[in-house]
Amino acid sequence: MVKIGLVRCEIASRSCPGTSCFKAIKNGTGTLEEFKDEEIDIIGMVTCGGCPGRDSIRQIREMIRRGAEVIFLCTCMIKPIPNPPKCPYAEELAEAIRDICDVRVIMGTH
């Protein structure tokens, strides 16, 4: 079983219910394909907290404390979904998560 945490764009969360992310988790598609033969336990789903995204670090630490092994930056963080522009801070946030939280970060979900 793999335990995951999800971080989504604050702005996108106002119009996107996360259904494509959860579909990818359920079906083992997109970047979740590597886990398709494993049971997935969703530890939590948080927003970035708004630009530049650093507000999510505290919540990510809490997801890790509660067992998250992999943190996914949802597709809305790396592509212009549902509306342009894409997040200009996604790479910086991913690097901060890796450095500060010492956890694997995967870019995108579906």
N, C-alpha and C. Protein backbone atom coordinates (compact mmCIF):
# COMPACT_ATOMS: atom_id res chain seq x y z
N MET A 1 0.85 -1.18 0.00
CA MET A 1 0.00 0.00 0.00
C MET A 1 0.89 1.23 0.00
N VAL A 2 0.51 2.18 -0.85
CA VAL A 2 1.23 3.44 -0.89
C VAL A 2 0.31 4.52 -0.33
N LYS A 3 0.88 5.36 0.52
CA LYS A 3 0.12 6.44 1.15
C LYS A 3 0.52 7.75 0.50
N ILE A 4 -0.48 8.47 -0.01
CA ILE A 4 -0.19 9.68 -0.78
C ILE A 4 -0.87 10.91 -0.19
N GLY A 5 -0.28 12.06 -0.48
CA GLY A 5 -0.87 13.35 -0.19
C GLY A 5 -0.96 14.13 -1.48
N LEU A 6 -2.00 14.93 -1.60
CA LEU A 6 -2.24 15.71 -2.81
C LEU A 6 -2.21 17.20 -2.49
N VAL A 7 -1.55 17.97 -3.36
CA VAL A 7 -1.52 19.42 -3.24
C VAL A 7 -2.09 19.99 -4.54
N ARG A 8 -3.12 20.81 -4.40
CA ARG A 8 -3.75 21.37 -5.59
C ARG A 8 -3.68 22.89 -5.56
N CYS A 9 -3.90 23.48 -6.70
CA CYS A 9 -3.86 24.94 -6.85
C CYS A 9 -5.05 25.58 -6.13
N GLU A 10 -4.76 26.58 -5.33
CA GLU A 10 -5.81 27.31 -4.60
C GLU A 10 -6.85 27.89 -5.57
N ILE A 11 -6.39 28.52 -6.63
CA ILE A 11 -7.32 29.14 -7.58
C ILE A 11 -8.12 28.08 -8.32
N ALA A 12 -7.48 27.03 -8.79
CA ALA A 12 -8.18 25.97 -9.51
C ALA A 12 -9.20 25.27 -8.62
N SER A 13 -8.93 25.21 -7.32
CA SER A 13 -9.84 24.50 -6.41
C SER A 13 -11.20 25.18 -6.32
N ARG A 14 -11.26 26.43 -6.74
CA ARG A 14 -12.54 27.15 -6.72
C ARG A 14 -13.48 26.69 -7.81
N SER A 15 -12.93 26.08 -8.87
CA SER A 15 -13.79 25.62 -9.97
C SER A 15 -13.64 24.13 -10.27
N CYS A 16 -12.63 23.50 -9.73
CA CYS A 16 -12.39 22.08 -10.02
C CYS A 16 -12.63 21.25 -8.76
N PRO A 17 -13.54 20.26 -8.83
CA PRO A 17 -13.80 19.43 -7.67
C PRO A 17 -12.79 18.30 -7.46
N GLY A 18 -11.78 18.21 -8.32
CA GLY A 18 -10.76 17.18 -8.16
C GLY A 18 -11.13 15.83 -8.74
N THR A 19 -12.20 15.76 -9.51
CA THR A 19 -12.68 14.47 -10.00
C THR A 19 -11.68 13.76 -10.91
N SER A 20 -10.96 14.49 -11.74
CA SER A 20 -9.98 13.84 -12.62
C SER A 20 -8.81 13.26 -11.82
N CYS A 21 -8.42 13.94 -10.75
CA CYS A 21 -7.36 13.41 -9.88
C CYS A 21 -7.81 12.11 -9.23
N PHE A 22 -9.03 12.11 -8.70
CA PHE A 22 -9.53 10.91 -8.04
C PHE A 22 -9.78 9.78 -9.03
N LYS A 23 -10.17 10.12 -10.24
CA LYS A 23 -10.34 9.09 -11.28
C LYS A 23 -8.99 8.45 -11.62
N ALA A 24 -7.95 9.26 -11.72
CA ALA A 24 -6.60 8.73 -11.99
C ALA A 24 -6.14 7.82 -10.86
N ILE A 25 -6.46 8.20 -9.63
CA ILE A 25 -6.10 7.37 -8.47
C ILE A 25 -6.85 6.04 -8.55
N LYS A 26 -8.14 6.10 -8.79
CA LYS A 26 -8.98 4.90 -8.85
C LYS A 26 -8.56 3.95 -9.97
N ASN A 27 -8.25 4.53 -11.16
CA ASN A 27 -7.96 3.72 -12.34
C ASN A 27 -6.47 3.44 -12.56
N GLY A 28 -5.61 4.06 -11.77
CA GLY A 28 -4.18 3.86 -11.94
C GLY A 28 -3.68 4.40 -13.26
N THR A 29 -4.13 5.60 -13.62
CA THR A 29 -3.72 6.20 -14.89
C THR A 29 -2.90 7.46 -14.61
N GLY A 30 -2.40 8.07 -15.67
CA GLY A 30 -1.57 9.25 -15.52
C GLY A 30 -0.32 8.92 -14.72
N THR A 31 0.10 9.81 -13.85
CA THR A 31 1.30 9.55 -13.06
C THR A 31 1.05 8.52 -11.96
N LEU A 32 -0.22 8.16 -11.75
CA LEU A 32 -0.55 7.13 -10.77
C LEU A 32 -0.36 5.72 -11.34
N GLU A 33 -0.03 5.62 -12.62
CA GLU A 33 0.11 4.33 -13.26
C GLU A 33 1.14 3.43 -12.56
N GLU A 34 2.20 4.01 -12.05
CA GLU A 34 3.20 3.19 -11.38
C GLU A 34 2.66 2.51 -10.12
N PHE A 35 1.53 3.00 -9.61
CA PHE A 35 0.91 2.43 -8.41
C PHE A 35 -0.36 1.64 -8.72
N LYS A 36 -0.62 1.35 -10.00
CA LYS A 36 -1.89 0.73 -10.38
C LYS A 36 -2.10 -0.65 -9.77
N ASP A 37 -1.05 -1.34 -9.41
CA ASP A 37 -1.19 -2.66 -8.80
C ASP A 37 -1.14 -2.62 -7.28
N GLU A 38 -1.11 -1.41 -6.72
CA GLU A 38 -1.06 -1.24 -5.27
C GLU A 38 -2.35 -0.59 -4.78
N GLU A 39 -2.66 -0.86 -3.54
CA GLU A 39 -3.75 -0.13 -2.91
C GLU A 39 -3.21 1.26 -2.57
N ILE A 40 -4.03 2.28 -2.79
CA ILE A 40 -3.63 3.65 -2.50
C ILE A 40 -4.46 4.18 -1.35
N ASP A 41 -3.76 4.71 -0.37
CA ASP A 41 -4.42 5.34 0.77
C ASP A 41 -4.17 6.84 0.66
N ILE A 42 -5.25 7.61 0.50
CA ILE A 42 -5.12 9.05 0.40
C ILE A 42 -5.09 9.62 1.81
N ILE A 43 -3.95 10.18 2.18
CA ILE A 43 -3.77 10.73 3.52
C ILE A 43 -4.44 12.10 3.64
N GLY A 44 -4.37 12.89 2.57
CA GLY A 44 -5.00 14.20 2.59
C GLY A 44 -4.88 14.90 1.26
N MET A 45 -5.71 15.94 1.11
CA MET A 45 -5.66 16.79 -0.08
C MET A 45 -5.77 18.23 0.39
N VAL A 46 -4.77 19.03 0.07
CA VAL A 46 -4.74 20.42 0.50
C VAL A 46 -4.51 21.31 -0.71
N THR A 47 -4.80 22.59 -0.54
CA THR A 47 -4.43 23.54 -1.59
C THR A 47 -3.04 24.08 -1.26
N CYS A 48 -2.47 24.74 -2.24
CA CYS A 48 -1.15 25.34 -2.04
C CYS A 48 -1.21 26.50 -1.06
N GLY A 49 -2.42 27.02 -0.83
CA GLY A 49 -2.58 28.16 0.06
C GLY A 49 -2.52 29.49 -0.66
N GLY A 50 -2.39 29.44 -1.97
CA GLY A 50 -2.28 30.65 -2.77
C GLY A 50 -0.83 30.95 -3.10
N CYS A 51 -0.64 31.73 -4.13
CA CYS A 51 0.72 32.06 -4.59
C CYS A 51 1.53 32.72 -3.47
N PRO A 52 2.78 32.27 -3.30
CA PRO A 52 3.55 31.37 -4.12
C PRO A 52 3.51 29.90 -3.67
N GLY A 53 2.60 29.52 -2.83
CA GLY A 53 2.42 28.11 -2.47
C GLY A 53 3.10 27.66 -1.21
N ARG A 54 3.90 28.49 -0.59
CA ARG A 54 4.66 28.09 0.59
C ARG A 54 3.77 27.78 1.81
N ASP A 55 2.53 28.28 1.79
CA ASP A 55 1.64 28.03 2.93
C ASP A 55 1.29 26.55 3.09
N SER A 56 1.49 25.78 2.04
CA SER A 56 1.14 24.36 2.10
C SER A 56 2.19 23.51 2.84
N ILE A 57 3.38 24.01 3.04
CA ILE A 57 4.45 23.21 3.65
C ILE A 57 4.03 22.66 5.02
N ARG A 58 3.41 23.48 5.84
CA ARG A 58 2.97 23.01 7.17
C ARG A 58 1.99 21.85 7.03
N GLN A 59 1.04 21.96 6.12
CA GLN A 59 0.06 20.89 5.94
C GLN A 59 0.69 19.66 5.32
N ILE A 60 1.65 19.84 4.45
CA ILE A 60 2.36 18.70 3.86
C ILE A 60 3.14 17.96 4.94
N ARG A 61 3.79 18.70 5.81
CA ARG A 61 4.49 18.06 6.94
C ARG A 61 3.52 17.23 7.77
N GLU A 62 2.32 17.76 7.97
CA GLU A 62 1.31 17.04 8.75
C GLU A 62 0.86 15.77 8.02
N MET A 63 0.69 15.84 6.70
CA MET A 63 0.34 14.63 5.94
C MET A 63 1.44 13.59 6.07
N ILE A 64 2.69 14.03 6.02
CA ILE A 64 3.81 13.11 6.16
C ILE A 64 3.82 12.52 7.56
N ARG A 65 3.58 13.34 8.57
CA ARG A 65 3.51 12.84 9.94
C ARG A 65 2.42 11.78 10.08
N ARG A 66 1.37 11.93 9.28
CA ARG A 66 0.26 10.98 9.32
C ARG A 66 0.45 9.82 8.35
N GLY A 67 1.62 9.73 7.74
CA GLY A 67 1.95 8.55 6.95
C GLY A 67 2.17 8.73 5.47
N ALA A 68 1.97 9.92 4.91
CA ALA A 68 2.15 10.10 3.47
C ALA A 68 3.59 9.79 3.08
N GLU A 69 3.73 8.99 2.05
CA GLU A 69 5.05 8.59 1.54
C GLU A 69 5.40 9.32 0.24
N VAL A 70 4.38 9.73 -0.50
CA VAL A 70 4.56 10.42 -1.77
C VAL A 70 3.61 11.60 -1.79
N ILE A 71 4.10 12.75 -2.23
CA ILE A 71 3.27 13.94 -2.38
C ILE A 71 3.13 14.22 -3.88
N PHE A 72 1.89 14.37 -4.31
CA PHE A 72 1.60 14.70 -5.70
C PHE A 72 1.21 16.17 -5.78
N LEU A 73 1.86 16.89 -6.69
CA LEU A 73 1.37 18.21 -7.06
C LEU A 73 0.37 17.93 -8.18
N CYS A 74 -0.89 18.19 -7.92
CA CYS A 74 -1.95 17.86 -8.86
C CYS A 74 -1.71 18.52 -10.22
N THR A 75 -2.36 17.99 -11.21
CA THR A 75 -2.16 18.46 -12.58
C THR A 75 -2.44 19.95 -12.72
N CYS A 76 -3.37 20.49 -11.93
CA CYS A 76 -3.66 21.92 -12.00
C CYS A 76 -2.47 22.77 -11.58
N MET A 77 -1.49 22.18 -10.93
CA MET A 77 -0.28 22.90 -10.54
C MET A 77 0.75 22.95 -11.66
N ILE A 78 0.64 22.03 -12.63
CA ILE A 78 1.69 21.96 -13.65
C ILE A 78 1.20 22.23 -15.07
N LYS A 79 -0.11 22.27 -15.25
CA LYS A 79 -0.69 22.60 -16.56
C LYS A 79 -1.74 23.69 -16.35
N PRO A 80 -2.07 24.40 -17.38
CA PRO A 80 -3.08 25.45 -17.23
C PRO A 80 -4.50 24.89 -17.16
N ILE A 81 -4.77 24.15 -16.08
CA ILE A 81 -6.08 23.52 -15.88
C ILE A 81 -6.68 24.09 -14.62
N PRO A 82 -7.92 24.50 -14.56
CA PRO A 82 -8.86 24.54 -15.68
C PRO A 82 -8.67 25.75 -16.58
N ASN A 83 -7.92 26.74 -16.14
CA ASN A 83 -7.71 27.95 -16.94
C ASN A 83 -6.24 28.35 -16.90
N PRO A 84 -5.75 28.93 -18.00
CA PRO A 84 -4.39 29.45 -17.98
C PRO A 84 -4.27 30.59 -16.97
N PRO A 85 -3.13 30.94 -16.49
CA PRO A 85 -1.85 30.29 -16.79
C PRO A 85 -1.58 29.15 -15.83
N LYS A 86 -0.60 28.33 -16.16
CA LYS A 86 -0.20 27.30 -15.22
C LYS A 86 0.54 27.95 -14.05
N CYS A 87 0.71 27.20 -13.00
CA CYS A 87 1.36 27.73 -11.79
C CYS A 87 2.83 28.07 -12.07
N PRO A 88 3.23 29.32 -11.86
CA PRO A 88 4.63 29.68 -12.07
C PRO A 88 5.53 29.24 -10.92
N TYR A 89 4.94 28.72 -9.84
CA TYR A 89 5.71 28.34 -8.66
C TYR A 89 5.80 26.83 -8.43
N ALA A 90 5.24 26.04 -9.34
CA ALA A 90 5.15 24.58 -9.13
C ALA A 90 6.52 23.95 -8.90
N GLU A 91 7.47 24.24 -9.75
CA GLU A 91 8.81 23.63 -9.60
C GLU A 91 9.48 24.08 -8.31
N GLU A 92 9.35 25.35 -7.99
CA GLU A 92 9.92 25.88 -6.76
C GLU A 92 9.28 25.22 -5.53
N LEU A 93 7.96 25.04 -5.56
CA LEU A 93 7.26 24.39 -4.46
C LEU A 93 7.68 22.93 -4.34
N ALA A 94 7.78 22.23 -5.46
CA ALA A 94 8.21 20.83 -5.43
C ALA A 94 9.60 20.70 -4.81
N GLU A 95 10.50 21.58 -5.20
CA GLU A 95 11.86 21.55 -4.66
C GLU A 95 11.86 21.84 -3.16
N ALA A 96 11.04 22.80 -2.74
CA ALA A 96 10.95 23.12 -1.31
C ALA A 96 10.40 21.93 -0.52
N ILE A 97 9.42 21.25 -1.07
CA ILE A 97 8.86 20.07 -0.40
C ILE A 97 9.93 19.01 -0.26
N ARG A 98 10.67 18.77 -1.34
CA ARG A 98 11.74 17.75 -1.30
C ARG A 98 12.80 18.12 -0.26
N ASP A 99 13.20 19.38 -0.24
CA ASP A 99 14.25 19.83 0.67
C ASP A 99 13.80 19.87 2.12
N ILE A 100 12.65 20.46 2.36
CA ILE A 100 12.18 20.68 3.72
C ILE A 100 11.56 19.43 4.32
N CYS A 101 10.84 18.68 3.51
CA CYS A 101 10.10 17.53 4.03
C CYS A 101 10.76 16.19 3.74
N ASP A 102 11.77 16.17 2.87
CA ASP A 102 12.49 14.94 2.54
C ASP A 102 11.53 13.83 2.14
N VAL A 103 10.75 14.09 1.09
CA VAL A 103 9.76 13.13 0.61
C VAL A 103 9.76 13.16 -0.91
N ARG A 104 9.33 12.08 -1.51
CA ARG A 104 9.21 12.02 -2.97
C ARG A 104 8.06 12.90 -3.42
N VAL A 105 8.29 13.69 -4.46
CA VAL A 105 7.25 14.54 -5.05
C VAL A 105 7.08 14.14 -6.49
N ILE A 106 5.83 13.95 -6.89
CA ILE A 106 5.50 13.63 -8.28
C ILE A 106 4.69 14.77 -8.85
N MET A 107 5.08 15.19 -10.04
CA MET A 107 4.42 16.32 -10.70
C MET A 107 3.25 15.82 -11.54
N GLY A 108 2.04 16.22 -11.16
CA GLY A 108 0.83 15.87 -11.91
C GLY A 108 0.17 14.61 -11.39
N THR A 109 -1.08 14.47 -11.75
CA THR A 109 -1.85 13.30 -11.36
C THR A 109 -2.45 12.60 -12.57
N HIS A 110 -3.11 13.32 -13.43
CA HIS A 110 -3.79 12.72 -14.58
C HIS A 110 -3.26 13.26 -15.88
